[in-house]
């Protein structure tokens, strides 16, 4: 199992990174990205600390820890520069909080994130076919979410991804221990989103290809 969108006490998660990774190790995970929420006020504080803890944990734990960040509710016009800043600070995977139907994300966020080359567009809600085609062209992965609320549009995201050729990843968007996915639960999320019963292997392979690209 791989999860490329998780949160810790660096933002609004309940677990410190060490406990998050240990719990995932027990669940048999091979990799995780710590991608706490940030904007321009906190980016330079959070990213270096995630980078440091990833280096520490990778020396002792079996789970590969990838430093990342989730740009959240930032104005679309700021997304491009913040992605560049995050990468300079050491974030290997930049997630952008997409236009979920359950939060007041600014219109235009999905397109701005794709145009700027985010690695993952998280829970992109009612993303358009045109935007998804651009994501496919630019190598931006669209997220199927296990998170309550954000998951309401998983079926739409899968359908648009199939039409456009955009690649999908399945993430928990975990904020608490209860949010962490077992393999069996992840399979149910994929099936519920309209994918085949063996689609989880495809989603995991997509995650591996992204990890290979950024490391």
N, C-alpha and C. Protein backbone atom coordinates (compact mmCIF):
# COMPACT_ATOMS: atom_id res chain seq x y z
N UNK A 1 0.83 -1.20 0.00
CA UNK A 1 0.00 0.00 0.00
C UNK A 1 0.87 1.26 0.00
N UNK A 2 0.33 2.30 -0.62
CA UNK A 2 0.99 3.60 -0.71
C UNK A 2 -0.06 4.68 -0.46
N UNK A 3 0.31 5.70 0.29
CA UNK A 3 -0.58 6.84 0.53
C UNK A 3 0.22 8.11 0.34
N UNK A 4 -0.18 8.92 -0.62
CA UNK A 4 0.58 10.13 -0.95
C UNK A 4 -0.10 11.42 -0.50
N UNK A 5 -0.99 11.29 0.49
CA UNK A 5 -1.68 12.49 1.00
C UNK A 5 -2.10 12.23 2.43
N UNK A 6 -1.25 12.66 3.37
CA UNK A 6 -1.53 12.47 4.80
C UNK A 6 -1.16 13.73 5.58
N UNK A 7 -1.73 13.83 6.78
CA UNK A 7 -1.51 15.01 7.62
C UNK A 7 -1.06 14.61 9.02
N UNK A 8 -0.25 15.46 9.61
CA UNK A 8 0.28 15.23 10.95
C UNK A 8 0.05 16.47 11.80
N UNK A 9 0.66 16.51 12.97
CA UNK A 9 0.53 17.67 13.85
C UNK A 9 1.24 18.91 13.29
N UNK A 10 1.93 18.77 12.17
CA UNK A 10 2.48 19.97 11.51
C UNK A 10 1.36 20.84 10.96
N UNK A 11 0.16 20.26 10.77
CA UNK A 11 -1.01 21.08 10.40
C UNK A 11 -2.18 20.65 11.26
N UNK A 12 -3.19 20.00 10.67
CA UNK A 12 -4.38 19.65 11.45
C UNK A 12 -4.55 18.16 11.68
N UNK A 13 -3.47 17.40 11.55
CA UNK A 13 -3.53 15.97 11.83
C UNK A 13 -3.38 15.70 13.33
N UNK A 14 -3.77 14.51 13.73
CA UNK A 14 -3.73 14.14 15.15
C UNK A 14 -2.42 13.45 15.56
N UNK A 15 -1.67 12.91 14.61
CA UNK A 15 -0.48 12.12 14.93
C UNK A 15 0.80 12.87 14.59
N UNK A 16 1.82 12.70 15.42
CA UNK A 16 3.14 13.16 15.02
C UNK A 16 3.64 12.24 13.91
N UNK A 17 4.58 12.69 13.08
CA UNK A 17 5.03 11.87 11.96
C UNK A 17 5.50 10.46 12.34
N UNK A 18 6.23 10.34 13.44
CA UNK A 18 6.75 9.03 13.82
C UNK A 18 5.62 8.02 14.07
N UNK A 19 4.54 8.48 14.72
CA UNK A 19 3.44 7.55 14.98
C UNK A 19 2.68 7.24 13.70
N UNK A 20 2.48 8.23 12.86
CA UNK A 20 1.82 7.99 11.57
C UNK A 20 2.56 6.90 10.80
N UNK A 21 3.87 7.05 10.68
CA UNK A 21 4.66 6.09 9.91
C UNK A 21 4.67 4.72 10.57
N UNK A 22 4.77 4.69 11.88
CA UNK A 22 4.75 3.40 12.58
C UNK A 22 3.42 2.68 12.36
N UNK A 23 2.32 3.38 12.42
CA UNK A 23 1.02 2.76 12.18
C UNK A 23 0.92 2.21 10.76
N UNK A 24 1.48 2.94 9.81
CA UNK A 24 1.46 2.48 8.43
C UNK A 24 2.40 1.28 8.24
N UNK A 25 3.49 1.26 8.98
CA UNK A 25 4.40 0.11 8.92
C UNK A 25 3.67 -1.16 9.38
N UNK A 26 2.90 -1.04 10.44
CA UNK A 26 2.13 -2.18 10.94
C UNK A 26 1.11 -2.65 9.90
N UNK A 27 0.57 -1.70 9.13
CA UNK A 27 -0.41 -2.04 8.10
C UNK A 27 0.24 -2.57 6.83
N UNK A 28 1.57 -2.60 6.79
CA UNK A 28 2.26 -3.17 5.65
C UNK A 28 2.49 -2.20 4.49
N UNK A 29 2.50 -0.92 4.76
CA UNK A 29 2.71 0.07 3.69
C UNK A 29 4.14 0.07 3.20
N UNK A 30 4.31 0.43 1.95
CA UNK A 30 5.66 0.57 1.39
C UNK A 30 6.11 2.03 1.32
N UNK A 31 5.15 2.97 1.23
CA UNK A 31 5.54 4.38 1.13
C UNK A 31 4.40 5.28 1.58
N UNK A 32 4.78 6.46 2.08
CA UNK A 32 3.81 7.47 2.47
C UNK A 32 4.40 8.85 2.20
N UNK A 33 3.55 9.77 1.79
CA UNK A 33 3.95 11.17 1.68
C UNK A 33 3.27 11.96 2.79
N UNK A 34 4.07 12.65 3.58
CA UNK A 34 3.52 13.57 4.58
C UNK A 34 3.32 14.91 3.87
N UNK A 35 2.06 15.32 3.78
CA UNK A 35 1.73 16.50 2.96
C UNK A 35 0.80 17.42 3.74
N UNK A 36 1.34 18.01 4.77
CA UNK A 36 0.52 18.87 5.62
C UNK A 36 0.08 20.15 4.91
N UNK A 37 -1.03 20.70 5.38
CA UNK A 37 -1.58 21.93 4.82
C UNK A 37 -0.63 23.10 5.01
N UNK A 38 -0.53 23.94 3.98
CA UNK A 38 0.29 25.15 4.11
C UNK A 38 -0.18 26.21 3.12
N UNK A 39 0.16 27.44 3.44
CA UNK A 39 0.05 28.55 2.50
C UNK A 39 1.32 29.38 2.63
N UNK A 40 1.31 30.60 2.15
CA UNK A 40 2.55 31.39 2.18
C UNK A 40 3.00 31.73 3.59
N UNK A 41 2.09 31.63 4.57
CA UNK A 41 2.44 31.98 5.95
C UNK A 41 3.23 30.88 6.64
N UNK A 42 3.12 29.65 6.16
CA UNK A 42 3.70 28.52 6.89
C UNK A 42 4.58 27.60 6.08
N UNK A 43 4.66 27.83 4.78
CA UNK A 43 5.40 26.93 3.90
C UNK A 43 6.85 26.75 4.34
N UNK A 44 7.52 27.87 4.65
CA UNK A 44 8.94 27.80 4.98
C UNK A 44 9.19 27.24 6.38
N UNK A 45 8.13 27.12 7.18
CA UNK A 45 8.25 26.50 8.49
C UNK A 45 8.02 25.00 8.40
N UNK A 46 7.00 24.59 7.66
CA UNK A 46 6.57 23.19 7.65
C UNK A 46 7.46 22.30 6.79
N UNK A 47 7.75 22.74 5.56
CA UNK A 47 8.45 21.85 4.64
C UNK A 47 9.81 21.39 5.16
N UNK A 48 10.68 22.28 5.65
CA UNK A 48 11.97 21.81 6.15
C UNK A 48 11.86 20.80 7.29
N UNK A 49 10.83 20.93 8.11
CA UNK A 49 10.66 19.99 9.23
C UNK A 49 10.17 18.63 8.73
N UNK A 50 9.33 18.63 7.71
CA UNK A 50 8.92 17.35 7.12
C UNK A 50 10.12 16.69 6.45
N UNK A 51 10.94 17.49 5.78
CA UNK A 51 12.15 16.95 5.15
C UNK A 51 13.05 16.31 6.20
N UNK A 52 13.22 16.98 7.32
CA UNK A 52 14.10 16.47 8.38
C UNK A 52 13.55 15.17 8.97
N UNK A 53 12.27 15.15 9.28
CA UNK A 53 11.72 13.95 9.90
C UNK A 53 11.69 12.80 8.90
N UNK A 54 11.51 13.10 7.62
CA UNK A 54 11.57 12.04 6.62
C UNK A 54 12.96 11.41 6.56
N UNK A 55 13.97 12.25 6.61
CA UNK A 55 15.35 11.74 6.62
C UNK A 55 15.60 10.87 7.85
N UNK A 56 15.12 11.31 9.00
CA UNK A 56 15.31 10.54 10.23
C UNK A 56 14.60 9.20 10.16
N UNK A 57 13.32 9.21 9.80
CA UNK A 57 12.54 7.98 9.80
C UNK A 57 12.99 7.01 8.73
N UNK A 58 13.47 7.52 7.61
CA UNK A 58 13.93 6.62 6.54
C UNK A 58 15.19 5.85 6.94
N UNK A 59 15.83 6.29 8.00
CA UNK A 59 17.02 5.57 8.48
C UNK A 59 16.66 4.37 9.34
N UNK A 60 15.40 4.33 9.81
CA UNK A 60 15.04 3.31 10.79
C UNK A 60 13.76 2.53 10.45
N UNK A 61 12.90 3.08 9.63
CA UNK A 61 11.61 2.44 9.36
C UNK A 61 11.60 1.83 7.96
N UNK A 62 10.76 0.82 7.78
CA UNK A 62 10.65 0.17 6.48
C UNK A 62 9.84 1.01 5.49
N UNK A 63 8.93 1.82 5.99
CA UNK A 63 8.08 2.62 5.11
C UNK A 63 8.90 3.79 4.54
N UNK A 64 8.89 3.92 3.23
CA UNK A 64 9.57 5.05 2.60
C UNK A 64 8.77 6.31 2.85
N UNK A 65 9.38 7.29 3.52
CA UNK A 65 8.70 8.54 3.86
C UNK A 65 9.14 9.62 2.86
N UNK A 66 8.16 10.20 2.18
CA UNK A 66 8.43 11.21 1.15
C UNK A 66 7.95 12.56 1.66
N UNK A 67 8.83 13.56 1.71
CA UNK A 67 8.41 14.88 2.16
C UNK A 67 7.57 15.58 1.11
N UNK A 68 6.43 16.10 1.55
CA UNK A 68 5.54 16.80 0.63
C UNK A 68 4.86 17.96 1.32
N UNK A 69 3.86 18.51 0.67
CA UNK A 69 3.08 19.60 1.23
C UNK A 69 1.77 19.67 0.46
N UNK A 70 0.72 20.14 1.13
CA UNK A 70 -0.55 20.39 0.44
C UNK A 70 -0.84 21.88 0.50
N UNK A 71 -0.81 22.54 -0.64
CA UNK A 71 -1.18 23.94 -0.73
C UNK A 71 -2.70 24.01 -0.65
N UNK A 72 -3.19 24.73 0.35
CA UNK A 72 -4.61 24.66 0.71
C UNK A 72 -5.26 26.03 0.75
N UNK A 73 -6.32 26.19 -0.04
CA UNK A 73 -7.10 27.43 -0.06
C UNK A 73 -6.25 28.66 -0.37
N UNK A 74 -5.21 28.48 -1.16
CA UNK A 74 -4.43 29.65 -1.56
C UNK A 74 -5.05 30.24 -2.84
N UNK A 75 -4.96 31.54 -3.04
CA UNK A 75 -5.49 32.13 -4.27
C UNK A 75 -4.86 31.47 -5.50
N UNK A 76 -5.66 31.18 -6.51
CA UNK A 76 -5.12 30.50 -7.69
C UNK A 76 -3.89 31.19 -8.29
N UNK A 77 -3.85 32.51 -8.26
CA UNK A 77 -2.73 33.23 -8.85
C UNK A 77 -1.42 33.01 -8.09
N UNK A 78 -1.49 32.49 -6.85
CA UNK A 78 -0.29 32.25 -6.05
C UNK A 78 0.23 30.82 -6.18
N UNK A 79 -0.55 29.95 -6.77
CA UNK A 79 -0.22 28.53 -6.75
C UNK A 79 1.11 28.24 -7.45
N UNK A 80 1.33 28.81 -8.60
CA UNK A 80 2.56 28.52 -9.35
C UNK A 80 3.81 28.87 -8.55
N UNK A 81 3.84 30.07 -7.98
CA UNK A 81 5.03 30.49 -7.23
C UNK A 81 5.21 29.66 -5.96
N UNK A 82 4.11 29.28 -5.32
CA UNK A 82 4.22 28.48 -4.09
C UNK A 82 4.69 27.06 -4.39
N UNK A 83 4.29 26.51 -5.52
CA UNK A 83 4.81 25.19 -5.91
C UNK A 83 6.33 25.26 -6.08
N UNK A 84 6.79 26.29 -6.75
CA UNK A 84 8.24 26.46 -6.94
C UNK A 84 8.95 26.62 -5.60
N UNK A 85 8.37 27.42 -4.70
CA UNK A 85 8.97 27.62 -3.38
C UNK A 85 9.03 26.30 -2.60
N UNK A 86 7.94 25.53 -2.67
CA UNK A 86 7.88 24.26 -1.94
C UNK A 86 8.96 23.30 -2.43
N UNK A 87 9.14 23.26 -3.73
CA UNK A 87 10.17 22.38 -4.30
C UNK A 87 11.57 22.82 -3.88
N UNK A 88 11.81 24.12 -3.87
CA UNK A 88 13.11 24.64 -3.44
C UNK A 88 13.39 24.29 -1.98
N UNK A 89 12.35 24.26 -1.17
CA UNK A 89 12.50 23.95 0.26
C UNK A 89 12.68 22.45 0.51
N UNK A 90 12.43 21.63 -0.50
CA UNK A 90 12.68 20.20 -0.35
C UNK A 90 11.47 19.30 -0.47
N UNK A 91 10.30 19.86 -0.74
CA UNK A 91 9.11 19.02 -0.95
C UNK A 91 9.27 18.24 -2.24
N UNK A 92 9.15 16.94 -2.16
CA UNK A 92 9.26 16.10 -3.35
C UNK A 92 7.93 15.97 -4.07
N UNK A 93 6.84 15.98 -3.31
CA UNK A 93 5.50 15.90 -3.90
C UNK A 93 4.69 17.10 -3.41
N UNK A 94 4.19 17.87 -4.35
CA UNK A 94 3.32 19.00 -4.01
C UNK A 94 1.89 18.63 -4.40
N UNK A 95 1.05 18.58 -3.38
CA UNK A 95 -0.38 18.34 -3.55
C UNK A 95 -1.07 19.69 -3.49
N UNK A 96 -2.04 19.89 -4.36
CA UNK A 96 -2.87 21.10 -4.27
C UNK A 96 -4.29 20.69 -3.91
N UNK A 97 -4.83 21.36 -2.92
CA UNK A 97 -6.19 21.12 -2.44
C UNK A 97 -7.16 21.56 -3.53
N UNK A 98 -7.76 20.58 -4.21
CA UNK A 98 -8.61 20.89 -5.34
C UNK A 98 -9.97 21.42 -4.94
N UNK A 99 -10.80 21.65 -5.97
CA UNK A 99 -12.11 22.28 -5.78
C UNK A 99 -13.15 21.28 -5.30
N UNK A 100 -12.97 20.82 -4.07
CA UNK A 100 -13.92 19.91 -3.44
C UNK A 100 -15.29 20.58 -3.31
N UNK A 101 -16.34 19.81 -3.49
CA UNK A 101 -17.69 20.38 -3.41
C UNK A 101 -18.12 20.67 -1.97
N UNK A 102 -17.32 20.23 -0.99
CA UNK A 102 -17.71 20.42 0.41
C UNK A 102 -16.91 21.52 1.10
N UNK A 103 -16.07 22.23 0.34
CA UNK A 103 -15.31 23.35 0.90
C UNK A 103 -15.32 24.51 -0.09
N UNK A 104 -15.22 25.74 0.40
CA UNK A 104 -15.29 26.92 -0.49
C UNK A 104 -13.96 27.25 -1.16
N UNK A 105 -13.43 26.28 -1.88
CA UNK A 105 -12.16 26.50 -2.59
C UNK A 105 -12.41 27.49 -3.74
N UNK A 106 -11.47 28.39 -3.95
CA UNK A 106 -11.63 29.42 -4.97
C UNK A 106 -11.77 28.81 -6.36
N UNK A 107 -12.75 29.25 -7.15
CA UNK A 107 -12.85 28.79 -8.53
C UNK A 107 -11.57 29.10 -9.29
N UNK A 108 -11.19 28.17 -10.15
CA UNK A 108 -9.95 28.32 -10.89
C UNK A 108 -8.77 27.62 -10.26
N UNK A 109 -8.95 27.08 -9.05
CA UNK A 109 -7.86 26.39 -8.37
C UNK A 109 -7.41 25.15 -9.13
N UNK A 110 -8.36 24.34 -9.61
CA UNK A 110 -8.00 23.13 -10.33
C UNK A 110 -7.11 23.46 -11.53
N UNK A 111 -7.56 24.40 -12.35
CA UNK A 111 -6.80 24.75 -13.55
C UNK A 111 -5.43 25.33 -13.18
N UNK A 112 -5.39 26.21 -12.20
CA UNK A 112 -4.12 26.83 -11.81
C UNK A 112 -3.13 25.77 -11.33
N UNK A 113 -3.60 24.79 -10.56
CA UNK A 113 -2.72 23.74 -10.06
C UNK A 113 -2.18 22.89 -11.20
N UNK A 114 -3.04 22.59 -12.16
CA UNK A 114 -2.62 21.77 -13.30
C UNK A 114 -1.63 22.53 -14.16
N UNK A 115 -1.96 23.76 -14.47
CA UNK A 115 -1.06 24.57 -15.31
C UNK A 115 0.30 24.76 -14.66
N UNK A 116 0.32 24.84 -13.32
CA UNK A 116 1.58 25.06 -12.60
C UNK A 116 2.38 23.78 -12.41
N UNK A 117 1.80 22.64 -12.74
CA UNK A 117 2.54 21.38 -12.63
C UNK A 117 2.57 20.79 -11.24
N UNK A 118 1.47 20.92 -10.51
CA UNK A 118 1.38 20.20 -9.23
C UNK A 118 1.56 18.71 -9.49
N UNK A 119 2.02 17.99 -8.50
CA UNK A 119 2.17 16.54 -8.67
C UNK A 119 0.83 15.84 -8.55
N UNK A 120 0.02 16.26 -7.57
CA UNK A 120 -1.30 15.66 -7.35
C UNK A 120 -2.32 16.77 -7.15
N UNK A 121 -3.44 16.66 -7.86
CA UNK A 121 -4.58 17.52 -7.60
C UNK A 121 -5.54 16.73 -6.73
N UNK A 122 -5.63 17.12 -5.46
CA UNK A 122 -6.41 16.35 -4.49
C UNK A 122 -7.90 16.63 -4.66
N UNK A 123 -8.69 15.57 -4.48
CA UNK A 123 -10.16 15.65 -4.53
C UNK A 123 -10.64 16.81 -5.40
N UNK A 124 -10.48 16.69 -6.72
CA UNK A 124 -10.74 17.82 -7.61
C UNK A 124 -12.20 18.06 -7.94
N UNK A 125 -13.11 17.45 -7.18
CA UNK A 125 -14.53 17.76 -7.31
C UNK A 125 -15.06 17.55 -8.71
N UNK A 126 -15.75 18.55 -9.23
CA UNK A 126 -16.38 18.47 -10.54
C UNK A 126 -15.43 18.99 -11.62
N UNK A 127 -14.24 18.43 -11.66
CA UNK A 127 -13.24 18.82 -12.64
C UNK A 127 -13.80 18.63 -14.04
N UNK A 128 -13.43 19.52 -14.94
CA UNK A 128 -13.95 19.45 -16.31
C UNK A 128 -13.09 18.51 -17.16
N UNK A 129 -13.66 18.08 -18.26
CA UNK A 129 -12.92 17.22 -19.18
C UNK A 129 -11.71 17.97 -19.74
N UNK A 130 -11.89 19.23 -20.06
CA UNK A 130 -10.78 20.03 -20.58
C UNK A 130 -9.63 20.10 -19.57
N UNK A 131 -9.96 20.33 -18.31
CA UNK A 131 -8.92 20.38 -17.27
C UNK A 131 -8.23 19.04 -17.11
N UNK A 132 -9.01 17.96 -17.16
CA UNK A 132 -8.43 16.63 -17.01
C UNK A 132 -7.51 16.29 -18.19
N UNK A 133 -7.87 16.71 -19.39
CA UNK A 133 -7.00 16.48 -20.54
C UNK A 133 -5.68 17.22 -20.36
N UNK A 134 -5.75 18.43 -19.81
CA UNK A 134 -4.52 19.18 -19.54
C UNK A 134 -3.70 18.48 -18.46
N UNK A 135 -4.38 17.91 -17.46
CA UNK A 135 -3.67 17.15 -16.42
C UNK A 135 -2.95 15.96 -17.03
N UNK A 136 -3.61 15.27 -17.94
CA UNK A 136 -2.97 14.12 -18.61
C UNK A 136 -1.74 14.57 -19.38
N UNK A 137 -1.84 15.69 -20.07
CA UNK A 137 -0.73 16.21 -20.86
C UNK A 137 0.45 16.62 -20.00
N UNK A 138 0.16 17.20 -18.83
CA UNK A 138 1.22 17.72 -17.97
C UNK A 138 1.67 16.74 -16.90
N UNK A 139 1.06 15.55 -16.85
CA UNK A 139 1.48 14.54 -15.89
C UNK A 139 1.04 14.81 -14.47
N UNK A 140 -0.08 15.52 -14.32
CA UNK A 140 -0.63 15.78 -12.99
C UNK A 140 -1.61 14.66 -12.65
N UNK A 141 -1.41 14.04 -11.50
CA UNK A 141 -2.26 12.93 -11.08
C UNK A 141 -3.52 13.46 -10.40
N UNK A 142 -4.66 12.87 -10.72
CA UNK A 142 -5.93 13.22 -10.08
C UNK A 142 -6.19 12.23 -8.96
N UNK A 143 -6.71 12.74 -7.86
CA UNK A 143 -6.88 11.92 -6.67
C UNK A 143 -8.31 11.40 -6.51
N UNK A 144 -8.39 10.10 -6.22
CA UNK A 144 -9.59 9.51 -5.66
C UNK A 144 -9.39 9.55 -4.15
N UNK A 145 -10.37 10.09 -3.44
CA UNK A 145 -10.19 10.34 -2.01
C UNK A 145 -11.02 9.39 -1.15
N UNK A 146 -10.41 8.94 -0.07
CA UNK A 146 -11.13 8.15 0.93
C UNK A 146 -11.73 9.05 2.01
N UNK A 147 -11.51 10.35 1.91
CA UNK A 147 -11.94 11.28 2.95
C UNK A 147 -13.44 11.57 2.86
N UNK A 148 -14.09 11.55 4.00
CA UNK A 148 -15.52 11.85 4.06
C UNK A 148 -15.77 13.22 3.44
N UNK A 149 -16.79 13.32 2.61
CA UNK A 149 -17.11 14.58 1.95
C UNK A 149 -16.40 14.70 0.62
N UNK A 150 -15.08 14.70 0.64
CA UNK A 150 -14.31 14.80 -0.59
C UNK A 150 -14.59 13.61 -1.53
N UNK A 151 -14.93 12.47 -0.95
CA UNK A 151 -15.15 11.26 -1.74
C UNK A 151 -16.45 11.30 -2.54
N UNK A 152 -17.30 12.29 -2.29
CA UNK A 152 -18.61 12.32 -2.96
C UNK A 152 -18.50 12.44 -4.47
N UNK A 153 -17.40 12.98 -4.96
CA UNK A 153 -17.25 13.14 -6.41
C UNK A 153 -16.26 12.15 -7.02
N UNK A 154 -15.91 11.11 -6.28
CA UNK A 154 -14.96 10.12 -6.82
C UNK A 154 -15.44 9.54 -8.15
N UNK A 155 -16.73 9.23 -8.24
CA UNK A 155 -17.24 8.64 -9.47
C UNK A 155 -17.06 9.56 -10.66
N UNK A 156 -17.31 10.84 -10.47
CA UNK A 156 -17.10 11.82 -11.54
C UNK A 156 -15.63 11.89 -11.93
N UNK A 157 -14.76 11.92 -10.94
CA UNK A 157 -13.32 12.02 -11.22
C UNK A 157 -12.85 10.82 -12.02
N UNK A 158 -13.31 9.63 -11.65
CA UNK A 158 -12.93 8.42 -12.39
C UNK A 158 -13.43 8.49 -13.82
N UNK A 159 -14.67 8.89 -14.01
CA UNK A 159 -15.23 8.95 -15.37
C UNK A 159 -14.45 9.94 -16.23
N UNK A 160 -14.16 11.12 -15.68
CA UNK A 160 -13.42 12.14 -16.43
C UNK A 160 -12.00 11.66 -16.72
N UNK A 161 -11.39 10.97 -15.76
CA UNK A 161 -10.03 10.47 -15.97
C UNK A 161 -10.00 9.44 -17.10
N UNK A 162 -10.99 8.58 -17.15
CA UNK A 162 -11.06 7.58 -18.21
C UNK A 162 -11.20 8.25 -19.58
N UNK A 163 -12.01 9.31 -19.65
CA UNK A 163 -12.22 10.00 -20.92
C UNK A 163 -11.00 10.77 -21.37
N UNK A 164 -10.26 11.30 -20.41
CA UNK A 164 -9.15 12.21 -20.73
C UNK A 164 -7.80 11.51 -20.80
N UNK A 165 -7.69 10.35 -20.17
CA UNK A 165 -6.39 9.69 -20.08
C UNK A 165 -5.55 10.14 -18.91
N UNK A 166 -6.13 10.94 -18.02
CA UNK A 166 -5.40 11.39 -16.83
C UNK A 166 -5.19 10.21 -15.87
N UNK A 167 -4.06 10.21 -15.20
CA UNK A 167 -3.76 9.13 -14.26
C UNK A 167 -4.35 9.42 -12.89
N UNK A 168 -4.75 8.36 -12.22
CA UNK A 168 -5.38 8.45 -10.91
C UNK A 168 -4.49 7.88 -9.82
N UNK A 169 -4.61 8.44 -8.61
CA UNK A 169 -4.04 7.83 -7.42
C UNK A 169 -5.13 7.82 -6.35
N UNK A 170 -5.03 6.87 -5.45
CA UNK A 170 -5.98 6.76 -4.34
C UNK A 170 -5.27 7.11 -3.05
N UNK A 171 -5.77 8.13 -2.34
CA UNK A 171 -5.16 8.56 -1.09
C UNK A 171 -6.19 8.66 0.02
N UNK A 172 -5.71 8.62 1.25
CA UNK A 172 -6.62 8.68 2.40
C UNK A 172 -6.96 10.10 2.82
N UNK A 173 -6.04 11.05 2.57
CA UNK A 173 -6.17 12.39 3.16
C UNK A 173 -6.33 12.26 4.68
N UNK A 174 -5.54 11.36 5.25
CA UNK A 174 -5.70 11.00 6.66
C UNK A 174 -5.36 12.16 7.59
N UNK A 175 -6.24 12.36 8.58
CA UNK A 175 -6.01 13.32 9.65
C UNK A 175 -5.96 12.63 11.02
N UNK A 176 -6.43 11.40 11.09
CA UNK A 176 -6.48 10.66 12.36
C UNK A 176 -6.18 9.19 12.09
N UNK A 177 -5.90 8.41 13.14
CA UNK A 177 -5.61 6.98 12.95
C UNK A 177 -6.74 6.24 12.23
N UNK A 178 -7.98 6.65 12.49
CA UNK A 178 -9.13 5.98 11.90
C UNK A 178 -9.21 6.18 10.39
N UNK A 179 -8.48 7.17 9.88
CA UNK A 179 -8.54 7.47 8.44
C UNK A 179 -7.60 6.59 7.62
N UNK A 180 -6.66 5.94 8.26
CA UNK A 180 -5.68 5.15 7.53
C UNK A 180 -6.35 3.94 6.88
N UNK A 181 -5.98 3.67 5.63
CA UNK A 181 -6.65 2.63 4.85
C UNK A 181 -5.95 1.29 4.95
N UNK A 182 -6.71 0.25 5.18
CA UNK A 182 -6.23 -1.11 4.95
C UNK A 182 -6.36 -1.39 3.46
N UNK A 183 -5.72 -2.44 2.99
CA UNK A 183 -5.85 -2.77 1.57
C UNK A 183 -7.29 -3.09 1.20
N UNK A 184 -7.98 -3.83 2.05
CA UNK A 184 -9.35 -4.21 1.73
C UNK A 184 -10.26 -2.98 1.64
N UNK A 185 -10.04 -2.00 2.53
CA UNK A 185 -10.86 -0.79 2.47
C UNK A 185 -10.53 0.01 1.22
N UNK A 186 -9.25 0.09 0.87
CA UNK A 186 -8.86 0.81 -0.34
C UNK A 186 -9.50 0.18 -1.58
N UNK A 187 -9.57 -1.14 -1.60
CA UNK A 187 -10.23 -1.83 -2.72
C UNK A 187 -11.70 -1.43 -2.82
N UNK A 188 -12.36 -1.30 -1.67
CA UNK A 188 -13.77 -0.92 -1.66
C UNK A 188 -13.95 0.52 -2.16
N UNK A 189 -13.03 1.41 -1.78
CA UNK A 189 -13.10 2.79 -2.26
C UNK A 189 -12.98 2.82 -3.79
N UNK A 190 -12.04 2.05 -4.32
CA UNK A 190 -11.84 2.01 -5.77
C UNK A 190 -13.07 1.47 -6.49
N UNK A 191 -13.62 0.39 -5.98
CA UNK A 191 -14.82 -0.20 -6.60
C UNK A 191 -16.00 0.76 -6.50
N UNK A 192 -16.15 1.39 -5.35
CA UNK A 192 -17.23 2.35 -5.16
C UNK A 192 -17.12 3.56 -6.07
N UNK A 193 -15.91 3.86 -6.51
CA UNK A 193 -15.69 4.98 -7.42
C UNK A 193 -15.95 4.61 -8.87
N UNK A 194 -16.23 3.32 -9.10
CA UNK A 194 -16.54 2.89 -10.45
C UNK A 194 -15.42 2.17 -11.17
N UNK A 195 -14.38 1.81 -10.44
CA UNK A 195 -13.27 1.06 -11.04
C UNK A 195 -13.50 -0.44 -10.87
N UNK A 196 -12.71 -1.23 -11.57
CA UNK A 196 -12.86 -2.68 -11.51
C UNK A 196 -12.33 -3.23 -10.20
N UNK A 197 -12.64 -4.46 -9.92
CA UNK A 197 -12.28 -5.07 -8.64
C UNK A 197 -10.77 -5.22 -8.46
N UNK A 198 -10.02 -5.21 -9.55
CA UNK A 198 -8.56 -5.32 -9.46
C UNK A 198 -7.85 -4.01 -9.75
N UNK A 199 -8.59 -2.89 -9.68
CA UNK A 199 -8.01 -1.59 -10.05
C UNK A 199 -7.01 -1.08 -9.05
N UNK A 200 -7.04 -1.56 -7.81
CA UNK A 200 -6.12 -1.04 -6.80
C UNK A 200 -4.67 -1.24 -7.23
N UNK A 201 -4.37 -2.36 -7.86
CA UNK A 201 -2.99 -2.58 -8.32
C UNK A 201 -2.57 -1.52 -9.32
N UNK A 202 -3.48 -1.11 -10.20
CA UNK A 202 -3.19 -0.05 -11.16
C UNK A 202 -2.95 1.27 -10.45
N UNK A 203 -3.77 1.57 -9.46
CA UNK A 203 -3.61 2.82 -8.70
C UNK A 203 -2.28 2.85 -7.94
N UNK A 204 -1.90 1.71 -7.38
CA UNK A 204 -0.63 1.63 -6.66
C UNK A 204 0.55 1.78 -7.63
N UNK A 205 0.41 1.21 -8.82
CA UNK A 205 1.48 1.34 -9.81
C UNK A 205 1.61 2.81 -10.25
N UNK A 206 0.49 3.50 -10.36
CA UNK A 206 0.55 4.94 -10.68
C UNK A 206 1.30 5.69 -9.58
N UNK A 207 1.00 5.35 -8.32
CA UNK A 207 1.70 6.01 -7.21
C UNK A 207 3.19 5.73 -7.26
N UNK A 208 3.56 4.50 -7.56
CA UNK A 208 4.98 4.15 -7.66
C UNK A 208 5.65 4.94 -8.78
N UNK A 209 4.96 5.12 -9.90
CA UNK A 209 5.55 5.86 -11.01
C UNK A 209 5.77 7.32 -10.63
N UNK A 210 4.86 7.88 -9.84
CA UNK A 210 5.05 9.26 -9.37
C UNK A 210 6.23 9.35 -8.42
N UNK A 211 6.35 8.39 -7.51
CA UNK A 211 7.47 8.38 -6.57
C UNK A 211 8.79 8.30 -7.34
N UNK A 212 8.83 7.43 -8.32
CA UNK A 212 10.05 7.28 -9.13
C UNK A 212 10.39 8.59 -9.83
N UNK A 213 9.37 9.28 -10.31
CA UNK A 213 9.60 10.54 -11.03
C UNK A 213 10.18 11.62 -10.15
N UNK A 214 9.75 11.69 -8.90
CA UNK A 214 10.14 12.81 -8.06
C UNK A 214 11.39 12.54 -7.21
N UNK A 215 11.75 11.28 -7.05
CA UNK A 215 12.92 10.97 -6.21
C UNK A 215 14.19 10.78 -7.04
